[in-house]
Amino acid sequence: MPYRLIAMDLDDTLLTDELTVSDATRQAMTEAIAQGAHLTIATGRMFDSAQKIARQVGLNVPIITYQGSLIKNLLDEEILYERSVPVDVAGELYEYCQAHGLHLQSYIADKLYVPEDNDKIKGYAKQSNIPYTIEPDFVRIISNEKQTKLLIIDEPAKLDALLPELKAKFGSKVHLTKSKPNYLEFMHPEGTKGHALRFLAAHYGIPIEETIAIGDAMNDHEMVQAAGLGVAMANAVPALKEIADFITLSNNDDGVKHVLEKFVLNA
């Protein structure tokens, strides 16, 4: 069957370790679009960060951001799909982080907020190429504003040790996932890349069987499982490879290009 909607994660999938898209992959994407395929990105990044890359590689379709919590048009920035963390859950999570000395950051109306400046937010902002706002009255925005996403940054071993407790406390109220070993993210239960892929496929009138999802981490689990063809990168975590239909090359070896050539351009 033809695959007409292809969703690609950004970091460690479409992007190389140098945070670039190779010319060869960019060319394959251009050819796939010319053949009528809908190519989009599905990332945990905020829209402001993701749209810069999407425009650079020539995409002009709605993109999936915030792990699936926000789908927004590139051309007019119309919001097509949006889910927010319940306010009471955000407050509980903030209290938990205060009690355990954890760095928590919040995303409101596509802006990034932190309670204080530190090395964690500086490193994150540099990697994502986005600004941030220091909000001393963090409890006020947690209690009153609509949070698209909340994120804890800490050492992987520390987050892994806390994960069972956090899942027991919040798992039924939010979608909880790791996008990187040191990033633990909290979204609305329907803020997953799987939900977003299904929504976007229906938006275009494309059967889910005619979609491809490509990713590398556990935050890609839901869309790789939902897609007609679920693809894991060679550099993906083992658990994602186990559920994938196909394993492509790594992000540094044009893995996305390989998928497009095999299943779209030369199919």
C-alpha atoms as a PDB file:
ATOM      1  CA  MET A   1       0.000   0.000   0.000  1.00  0.00           C
ATOM      2  CA  PRO A   2       1.169   3.600  -0.440  1.00  0.00           C
ATOM      3  CA  TYR A   3       2.327   5.379   2.688  1.00  0.00           C
ATOM      4  CA  ARG A   4       0.951   8.908   2.528  1.00  0.00           C
ATOM      5  CA  LEU A   5       1.656  10.377   5.975  1.00  0.00           C
ATOM      6  CA  ILE A   6       5.119  10.121   7.522  1.00  0.00           C
ATOM      7  CA  ALA A   7       5.796  11.449  11.031  1.00  0.00           C
ATOM      8  CA  MET A   8       9.406  11.795  12.151  1.00  0.00           C
ATOM      9  CA  ASP A   9      10.816  12.528  15.571  1.00  0.00           C
ATOM     10  CA  LEU A  10      13.485  15.254  15.620  1.00  0.00           C
ATOM     11  CA  ASP A  11      16.269  14.675  18.144  1.00  0.00           C
ATOM     12  CA  ASP A  12      18.294  11.508  17.474  1.00  0.00           C
ATOM     13  CA  THR A  13      15.991  10.673  14.539  1.00  0.00           C
ATOM     14  CA  LEU A  14      15.751  13.305  11.796  1.00  0.00           C
ATOM     15  CA  LEU A  15      18.550  15.352  13.368  1.00  0.00           C
ATOM     16  CA  THR A  16      22.134  14.120  13.519  1.00  0.00           C
ATOM     17  CA  ASP A  17      24.102  14.359  16.737  1.00  0.00           C
ATOM     18  CA  GLU A  18      25.205  17.791  15.491  1.00  0.00           C
ATOM     19  CA  LEU A  19      21.499  18.831  15.395  1.00  0.00           C
ATOM     20  CA  THR A  20      21.476  19.146  11.602  1.00  0.00           C
ATOM     21  CA  VAL A  21      19.595  17.470   8.742  1.00  0.00           C
ATOM     22  CA  SER A  22      21.934  16.053   6.094  1.00  0.00           C
ATOM     23  CA  ASP A  23      21.635  17.215   2.497  1.00  0.00           C
ATOM     24  CA  ALA A  24      20.872  13.644   1.388  1.00  0.00           C
ATOM     25  CA  THR A  25      17.982  13.304   3.845  1.00  0.00           C
ATOM     26  CA  ARG A  26      16.701  16.756   2.946  1.00  0.00           C
ATOM     27  CA  GLN A  27      16.680  15.773  -0.746  1.00  0.00           C
ATOM     28  CA  ALA A  28      14.776  12.551  -0.044  1.00  0.00           C
ATOM     29  CA  MET A  29      12.196  14.540   1.926  1.00  0.00           C
ATOM     30  CA  THR A  30      11.772  17.003  -0.952  1.00  0.00           C
ATOM     31  CA  GLU A  31      11.253  14.146  -3.405  1.00  0.00           C
ATOM     32  CA  ALA A  32       8.702  12.438  -1.155  1.00  0.00           C
ATOM     33  CA  ILE A  33       6.716  15.667  -0.810  1.00  0.00           C
ATOM     34  CA  ALA A  34       6.833  16.122  -4.600  1.00  0.00           C
ATOM     35  CA  GLN A  35       5.310  12.651  -4.936  1.00  0.00           C
ATOM     36  CA  GLY A  36       2.376  13.727  -2.783  1.00  0.00           C
ATOM     37  CA  ALA A  37       3.393  12.361   0.610  1.00  0.00           C
ATOM     38  CA  HIS A  38       2.616  14.390   3.717  1.00  0.00           C
ATOM     39  CA  LEU A  39       5.760  14.697   5.827  1.00  0.00           C
ATOM     40  CA  THR A  40       5.592  16.079   9.345  1.00  0.00           C
ATOM     41  CA  ILE A  41       7.631  16.089  12.519  1.00  0.00           C
ATOM     42  CA  ALA A  42       6.469  14.694  15.856  1.00  0.00           C
ATOM     43  CA  THR A  43       8.604  16.009  18.673  1.00  0.00           C
ATOM     44  CA  GLY A  44       8.619  16.723  22.368  1.00  0.00           C
ATOM     45  CA  ARG A  45       9.965  20.169  21.606  1.00  0.00           C
ATOM     46  CA  MET A  46       7.798  23.260  21.873  1.00  0.00           C
ATOM     47  CA  PHE A  47       6.345  24.694  18.669  1.00  0.00           C
ATOM     48  CA  ASP A  48       8.693  27.693  18.645  1.00  0.00           C
ATOM     49  CA  SER A  49      11.721  25.391  18.567  1.00  0.00           C
ATOM     50  CA  ALA A  50      10.304  22.758  16.204  1.00  0.00           C
ATOM     51  CA  GLN A  51       8.921  25.164  13.606  1.00  0.00           C
ATOM     52  CA  LYS A  52      12.373  26.607  12.933  1.00  0.00           C
ATOM     53  CA  ILE A  53      13.639  23.180  11.848  1.00  0.00           C
ATOM     54  CA  ALA A  54      10.419  22.346   9.973  1.00  0.00           C
ATOM     55  CA  ARG A  55      10.716  25.499   7.874  1.00  0.00           C
ATOM     56  CA  GLN A  56      14.412  24.853   7.191  1.00  0.00           C
ATOM     57  CA  VAL A  57      13.666  21.440   5.680  1.00  0.00           C
ATOM     58  CA  GLY A  58      10.763  22.724   3.575  1.00  0.00           C
ATOM     59  CA  LEU A  59       7.743  21.387   5.454  1.00  0.00           C
ATOM     60  CA  ASN A  60       4.468  23.267   5.118  1.00  0.00           C
ATOM     61  CA  VAL A  61       2.036  21.000   6.981  1.00  0.00           C
ATOM     62  CA  PRO A  62       0.803  20.964  10.584  1.00  0.00           C
ATOM     63  CA  ILE A  63       3.482  19.716  12.978  1.00  0.00           C
ATOM     64  CA  ILE A  64       3.148  17.636  16.145  1.00  0.00           C
ATOM     65  CA  THR A  65       4.832  19.199  19.178  1.00  0.00           C
ATOM     66  CA  TYR A  66       4.945  18.785  22.964  1.00  0.00           C
ATOM     67  CA  GLN A  67       4.877  14.967  22.650  1.00  0.00           C
ATOM     68  CA  GLY A  68       1.522  15.221  20.857  1.00  0.00           C
ATOM     69  CA  SER A  69      -0.144  17.812  23.090  1.00  0.00           C
ATOM     70  CA  LEU A  70      -0.172  20.464  20.350  1.00  0.00           C
ATOM     71  CA  ILE A  71      -0.670  20.228  16.577  1.00  0.00           C
ATOM     72  CA  LYS A  72      -0.286  23.557  14.859  1.00  0.00           C
ATOM     73  CA  ASN A  73      -0.202  24.745  11.250  1.00  0.00           C
ATOM     74  CA  LEU A  74       3.115  26.101  10.046  1.00  0.00           C
ATOM     75  CA  LEU A  75       1.606  28.586   7.599  1.00  0.00           C
ATOM     76  CA  ASP A  76      -0.968  30.420   9.726  1.00  0.00           C
ATOM     77  CA  GLU A  77      -0.165  28.855  13.125  1.00  0.00           C
ATOM     78  CA  GLU A  78      -3.765  27.725  13.610  1.00  0.00           C
ATOM     79  CA  ILE A  79      -4.084  25.230  16.470  1.00  0.00           C
ATOM     80  CA  LEU A  80      -5.687  21.992  15.294  1.00  0.00           C
ATOM     81  CA  TYR A  81      -5.269  19.859  18.418  1.00  0.00           C
ATOM     82  CA  GLU A  82      -4.417  20.861  21.978  1.00  0.00           C
ATOM     83  CA  ARG A  83      -4.346  19.118  25.341  1.00  0.00           C
ATOM     84  CA  SER A  84      -3.177  20.556  28.690  1.00  0.00           C
ATOM     85  CA  VAL A  85      -2.063  19.089  32.011  1.00  0.00           C
ATOM     86  CA  PRO A  86      -4.928  19.271  34.540  1.00  0.00           C
ATOM     87  CA  VAL A  87      -4.338  22.238  36.899  1.00  0.00           C
ATOM     88  CA  ASP A  88      -4.683  20.177  40.081  1.00  0.00           C
ATOM     89  CA  VAL A  89      -2.140  17.648  38.817  1.00  0.00           C
ATOM     90  CA  ALA A  90       0.312  20.431  37.930  1.00  0.00           C
ATOM     91  CA  GLY A  91       0.034  21.751  41.472  1.00  0.00           C
ATOM     92  CA  GLU A  92       0.620  18.301  42.984  1.00  0.00           C
ATOM     93  CA  LEU A  93       3.663  17.762  40.777  1.00  0.00           C
ATOM     94  CA  TYR A  94       5.147  21.130  41.720  1.00  0.00           C
ATOM     95  CA  GLU A  95       4.746  20.312  45.424  1.00  0.00           C
ATOM     96  CA  TYR A  96       6.412  16.936  44.853  1.00  0.00           C
ATOM     97  CA  CYS A  97       9.365  18.568  43.070  1.00  0.00           C
ATOM     98  CA  GLN A  98       9.752  21.147  45.835  1.00  0.00           C
ATOM     99  CA  ALA A  99       9.811  18.404  48.457  1.00  0.00           C
ATOM    100  CA  HIS A 100      12.398  16.347  46.531  1.00  0.00           C
ATOM    101  CA  GLY A 101      14.617  19.190  45.296  1.00  0.00           C
ATOM    102  CA  LEU A 102      13.824  18.575  41.618  1.00  0.00           C
ATOM    103  CA  HIS A 103      14.114  21.051  38.750  1.00  0.00           C
ATOM    104  CA  LEU A 104      10.691  21.546  37.142  1.00  0.00           C
ATOM    105  CA  GLN A 105       9.958  23.682  34.085  1.00  0.00           C
ATOM    106  CA  SER A 106       6.631  24.614  32.563  1.00  0.00           C
ATOM    107  CA  TYR A 107       5.363  25.417  29.070  1.00  0.00           C
ATOM    108  CA  ILE A 108       2.534  27.944  28.811  1.00  0.00           C
ATOM    109  CA  ALA A 109       1.269  29.403  25.505  1.00  0.00           C
ATOM    110  CA  ASP A 110       4.486  28.214  23.811  1.00  0.00           C
ATOM    111  CA  LYS A 111       6.751  29.941  26.318  1.00  0.00           C
ATOM    112  CA  LEU A 112       9.137  28.219  28.722  1.00  0.00           C
ATOM    113  CA  TYR A 113       9.102  29.143  32.425  1.00  0.00           C
ATOM    114  CA  VAL A 114      11.409  28.154  35.275  1.00  0.00           C
ATOM    115  CA  PRO A 115      11.452  29.180  38.944  1.00  0.00           C
ATOM    116  CA  GLU A 116      15.188  29.926  38.919  1.00  0.00           C
ATOM    117  CA  ASP A 117      18.198  30.126  36.626  1.00  0.00           C
ATOM    118  CA  ASN A 118      20.527  27.123  36.781  1.00  0.00           C
ATOM    119  CA  ASP A 119      22.745  24.860  34.675  1.00  0.00           C
ATOM    120  CA  LYS A 120      19.859  22.517  33.831  1.00  0.00           C
ATOM    121  CA  ILE A 121      17.766  25.174  32.103  1.00  0.00           C
ATOM    122  CA  LYS A 122      20.802  26.764  30.465  1.00  0.00           C
ATOM    123  CA  GLY A 123      21.813  23.453  28.900  1.00  0.00           C
ATOM    124  CA  TYR A 124      18.248  22.692  27.825  1.00  0.00           C
ATOM    125  CA  ALA A 125      17.738  26.127  26.246  1.00  0.00           C
ATOM    126  CA  LYS A 126      21.005  25.859  24.339  1.00  0.00           C
ATOM    127  CA  GLN A 127      20.144  22.393  22.994  1.00  0.00           C
ATOM    128  CA  SER A 128      16.600  23.428  21.987  1.00  0.00           C
ATOM    129  CA  ASN A 129      17.586  26.924  20.789  1.00  0.00           C
ATOM    130  CA  ILE A 130      14.785  28.651  22.709  1.00  0.00           C
ATOM    131  CA  PRO A 131      14.610  31.450  25.288  1.00  0.00           C
ATOM    132  CA  TYR A 132      13.182  31.020  28.775  1.00  0.00           C
ATOM    133  CA  THR A 133      11.574  33.197  31.432  1.00  0.00           C
ATOM    134  CA  ILE A 134      12.487  33.115  35.123  1.00  0.00           C
ATOM    135  CA  GLU A 135       9.271  33.318  37.177  1.00  0.00           C
ATOM    136  CA  PRO A 136       9.951  33.715  40.915  1.00  0.00           C
ATOM    137  CA  ASP A 137       6.229  33.297  41.673  1.00  0.00           C
ATOM    138  CA  PHE A 138       6.200  29.884  40.010  1.00  0.00           C
ATOM    139  CA  VAL A 139       3.382  28.556  42.167  1.00  0.00           C
ATOM    140  CA  ARG A 140       1.103  31.258  40.744  1.00  0.00           C
ATOM    141  CA  ILE A 141       1.518  30.192  37.136  1.00  0.00           C
ATOM    142  CA  ILE A 142       1.305  26.510  38.075  1.00  0.00           C
ATOM    143  CA  SER A 143      -1.981  27.145  39.854  1.00  0.00           C
ATOM    144  CA  ASN A 144      -3.607  29.478  37.335  1.00  0.00           C
ATOM    145  CA  GLU A 145      -2.219  28.940  33.839  1.00  0.00           C
ATOM    146  CA  LYS A 146      -2.858  26.233  31.249  1.00  0.00           C
ATOM    147  CA  GLN A 147       0.257  24.027  31.112  1.00  0.00           C
ATOM    148  CA  THR A 148       0.931  22.315  27.799  1.00  0.00           C
ATOM    149  CA  LYS A 149       3.752  20.305  29.349  1.00  0.00           C
ATOM    150  CA  LEU A 150       5.799  19.997  32.536  1.00  0.00           C
ATOM    151  CA  LEU A 151       9.341  18.628  32.517  1.00  0.00           C
ATOM    152  CA  ILE A 152      11.783  17.457  35.182  1.00  0.00           C
ATOM    153  CA  ILE A 153      15.506  17.468  34.353  1.00  0.00           C
ATOM    154  CA  ASP A 154      17.907  15.412  36.465  1.00  0.00           C
ATOM    155  CA  GLU A 155      20.473  12.625  36.361  1.00  0.00           C
ATOM    156  CA  PRO A 156      19.116   9.524  34.553  1.00  0.00           C
ATOM    157  CA  ALA A 157      19.750   7.223  37.530  1.00  0.00           C
ATOM    158  CA  LYS A 158      17.909   9.563  39.887  1.00  0.00           C
ATOM    159  CA  LEU A 159      14.906   9.836  37.545  1.00  0.00           C
ATOM    160  CA  ASP A 160      14.821   6.064  37.037  1.00  0.00           C
ATOM    161  CA  ALA A 161      14.779   5.562  40.806  1.00  0.00           C
ATOM    162  CA  LEU A 162      11.884   8.017  41.196  1.00  0.00           C
ATOM    163  CA  LEU A 163       9.921   6.706  38.234  1.00  0.00           C
ATOM    164  CA  PRO A 164       7.945   3.950  40.022  1.00  0.00           C
ATOM    165  CA  GLU A 165       6.778   6.389  42.684  1.00  0.00           C
ATOM    166  CA  LEU A 166       5.914   9.066  40.121  1.00  0.00           C
ATOM    167  CA  LYS A 167       3.989   6.585  37.986  1.00  0.00           C
ATOM    168  CA  ALA A 168       2.054   5.383  41.012  1.00  0.00           C
ATOM    169  CA  LYS A 169       1.248   8.958  42.054  1.00  0.00           C
ATOM    170  CA  PHE A 170       0.553  10.562  38.667  1.00  0.00           C
ATOM    171  CA  GLY A 171       0.373   7.800  36.069  1.00  0.00           C
ATOM    172  CA  SER A 172      -3.418   7.619  35.938  1.00  0.00           C
ATOM    173  CA  LYS A 173      -3.747  11.406  35.616  1.00  0.00           C
ATOM    174  CA  VAL A 174      -1.139  12.266  32.984  1.00  0.00           C
ATOM    175  CA  HIS A 175       0.883  10.831  30.127  1.00  0.00           C
ATOM    176  CA  LEU A 176       4.355  10.377  31.590  1.00  0.00           C
ATOM    177  CA  THR A 177       7.342   9.638  29.351  1.00  0.00           C
ATOM    178  CA  LYS A 178      11.088  10.117  28.883  1.00  0.00           C
ATOM    179  CA  SER A 179      12.307  11.856  25.742  1.00  0.00           C
ATOM    180  CA  LYS A 180      15.944  11.640  26.815  1.00  0.00           C
ATOM    181  CA  PRO A 181      17.548   9.767  29.731  1.00  0.00           C
ATOM    182  CA  ASN A 182      17.593  12.985  31.816  1.00  0.00           C
ATOM    183  CA  TYR A 183      14.192  14.405  30.710  1.00  0.00           C
ATOM    184  CA  LEU A 184      10.990  13.220  32.400  1.00  0.00           C
ATOM    185  CA  GLU A 185       7.886  14.756  30.855  1.00  0.00           C
ATOM    186  CA  PHE A 186       4.261  15.114  31.952  1.00  0.00           C
ATOM    187  CA  MET A 187       1.379  15.789  29.546  1.00  0.00           C
ATOM    188  CA  HIS A 188      -2.386  15.361  29.364  1.00  0.00           C
ATOM    189  CA  PRO A 189      -3.356  11.662  29.022  1.00  0.00           C
ATOM    190  CA  GLU A 190      -4.237  12.358  25.372  1.00  0.00           C
ATOM    191  CA  GLY A 191      -1.030  14.336  24.809  1.00  0.00           C
ATOM    192  CA  THR A 192       0.842  11.501  23.092  1.00  0.00           C
ATOM    193  CA  LYS A 193       2.364  11.232  19.654  1.00  0.00           C
ATOM    194  CA  GLY A 194       0.046   8.289  19.007  1.00  0.00           C
ATOM    195  CA  HIS A 195      -3.075  10.375  19.652  1.00  0.00           C
ATOM    196  CA  ALA A 196      -1.647  13.157  17.510  1.00  0.00           C
ATOM    197  CA  LEU A 197      -0.785  10.838  14.609  1.00  0.00           C
ATOM    198  CA  ARG A 198      -4.307   9.411  14.572  1.00  0.00           C
ATOM    199  CA  PHE A 199      -5.762  12.926  14.645  1.00  0.00           C
ATOM    200  CA  LEU A 200      -3.565  14.162  11.796  1.00  0.00           C
ATOM    201  CA  ALA A 201      -4.290  11.077   9.667  1.00  0.00           C
ATOM    202  CA  ALA A 202      -8.035  11.668  10.124  1.00  0.00           C
ATOM    203  CA  HIS A 203      -7.519  15.368   9.338  1.00  0.00           C
ATOM    204  CA  TYR A 204      -6.099  14.389   5.944  1.00  0.00           C
ATOM    205  CA  GLY A 205      -8.527  11.520   5.425  1.00  0.00           C
ATOM    206  CA  ILE A 206      -5.654   9.032   5.404  1.00  0.00           C
ATOM    207  CA  PRO A 207      -6.202   5.559   6.899  1.00  0.00           C
ATOM    208  CA  ILE A 208      -3.836   4.913   9.810  1.00  0.00           C
ATOM    209  CA  GLU A 209      -2.560   1.880   7.854  1.00  0.00           C
ATOM    210  CA  GLU A 210      -1.051   4.327   5.343  1.00  0.00           C
ATOM    211  CA  THR A 211       1.104   6.122   7.903  1.00  0.00           C
ATOM    212  CA  ILE A 212       4.740   5.729   8.928  1.00  0.00           C
ATOM    213  CA  ALA A 213       6.142   6.811  12.295  1.00  0.00           C
ATOM    214  CA  ILE A 214       9.904   7.027  12.884  1.00  0.00           C
ATOM    215  CA  GLY A 215      11.515   7.480  16.288  1.00  0.00           C
ATOM    216  CA  ASP A 216      14.252   6.537  18.735  1.00  0.00           C
ATOM    217  CA  ALA A 217      13.013   6.929  22.315  1.00  0.00           C
ATOM    218  CA  MET A 218      10.171   5.800  24.534  1.00  0.00           C
ATOM    219  CA  ASN A 219       8.254   9.015  23.918  1.00  0.00           C
ATOM    220  CA  ASP A 220       7.872   7.664  20.356  1.00  0.00           C
ATOM    221  CA  HIS A 221       6.346   4.400  21.603  1.00  0.00           C
ATOM    222  CA  GLU A 222       2.698   5.385  21.100  1.00  0.00           C
ATOM    223  CA  MET A 223       3.087   6.619  17.522  1.00  0.00           C
ATOM    224  CA  VAL A 224       5.358   3.757  16.430  1.00  0.00           C
ATOM    225  CA  GLN A 225       2.723   1.387  17.784  1.00  0.00           C
ATOM    226  CA  ALA A 226      -0.168   3.299  16.172  1.00  0.00           C
ATOM    227  CA  ALA A 227       1.318   3.737  12.688  1.00  0.00           C
ATOM    228  CA  GLY A 228       0.771   1.413   9.753  1.00  0.00           C
ATOM    229  CA  LEU A 229       4.562   1.059   9.685  1.00  0.00           C
ATOM    230  CA  GLY A 230       6.367   1.701  12.953  1.00  0.00           C
ATOM    231  CA  VAL A 231      10.089   2.381  12.493  1.00  0.00           C
ATOM    232  CA  ALA A 232      12.854   2.493  15.101  1.00  0.00           C
ATOM    233  CA  MET A 233      16.242   4.043  14.441  1.00  0.00           C
ATOM    234  CA  ALA A 234      19.342   1.872  14.780  1.00  0.00           C
ATOM    235  CA  ASN A 235      20.257   4.125  17.724  1.00  0.00           C
ATOM    236  CA  ALA A 236      16.816   3.672  19.338  1.00  0.00           C
ATOM    237  CA  VAL A 237      16.326   2.328  22.842  1.00  0.00           C
ATOM    238  CA  PRO A 238      15.904  -1.471  22.874  1.00  0.00           C
ATOM    239  CA  ALA A 239      12.282  -1.298  24.058  1.00  0.00           C
ATOM    240  CA  LEU A 240      11.287   0.724  20.979  1.00  0.00           C
ATOM    241  CA  LYS A 241      13.066  -1.683  18.642  1.00  0.00           C
ATOM    242  CA  GLU A 242      11.065  -4.526  20.157  1.00  0.00           C
ATOM    243  CA  ILE A 243       7.729  -3.041  19.055  1.00  0.00           C
ATOM    244  CA  ALA A 244       8.876  -1.623  15.702  1.00  0.00           C
ATOM    245  CA  ASP A 245       7.962  -3.178  12.355  1.00  0.00           C
ATOM    246  CA  PHE A 246      11.254  -2.069  10.817  1.00  0.00           C
ATOM    247  CA  ILE A 247      14.647  -0.895  12.084  1.00  0.00           C
ATOM    248  CA  THR A 248      16.396   1.650   9.903  1.00  0.00           C
ATOM    249  CA  LEU A 249      19.906   3.125   9.980  1.00  0.00           C
ATOM    250  CA  SER A 250      21.027   5.519  12.699  1.00  0.00           C
ATOM    251  CA  ASN A 251      20.370   9.247  12.838  1.00  0.00           C
ATOM    252  CA  ASN A 252      23.978   9.850  11.764  1.00  0.00           C
ATOM    253  CA  ASP A 253      23.635   7.470   8.791  1.00  0.00           C
ATOM    254  CA  ASP A 254      20.558   8.977   7.094  1.00  0.00           C
ATOM    255  CA  GLY A 255      18.099   6.584   8.696  1.00  0.00           C
ATOM    256  CA  VAL A 256      15.102   8.721   7.689  1.00  0.00           C
ATOM    257  CA  LYS A 257      16.340   8.878   4.090  1.00  0.00           C
ATOM    258  CA  HIS A 258      16.611   5.079   4.063  1.00  0.00           C
ATOM    259  CA  VAL A 259      12.962   4.744   5.144  1.00  0.00           C
ATOM    260  CA  LEU A 260      11.715   7.242   2.572  1.00  0.00           C
ATOM    261  CA  GLU A 261      13.612   5.531  -0.237  1.00  0.00           C
ATOM    262  CA  LYS A 262      12.504   2.028   0.729  1.00  0.00           C
ATOM    263  CA  PHE A 263       8.839   2.646   1.532  1.00  0.00           C
ATOM    264  CA  VAL A 264       7.880   5.828  -0.350  1.00  0.00           C
ATOM    265  CA  LEU A 265      10.174   6.777  -3.234  1.00  0.00           C
ATOM    266  CA  ASN A 266      10.925   3.282  -4.528  1.00  0.00           C
ATOM    267  CA  ALA A 267       7.811   1.476  -3.335  1.00  0.00           C
END
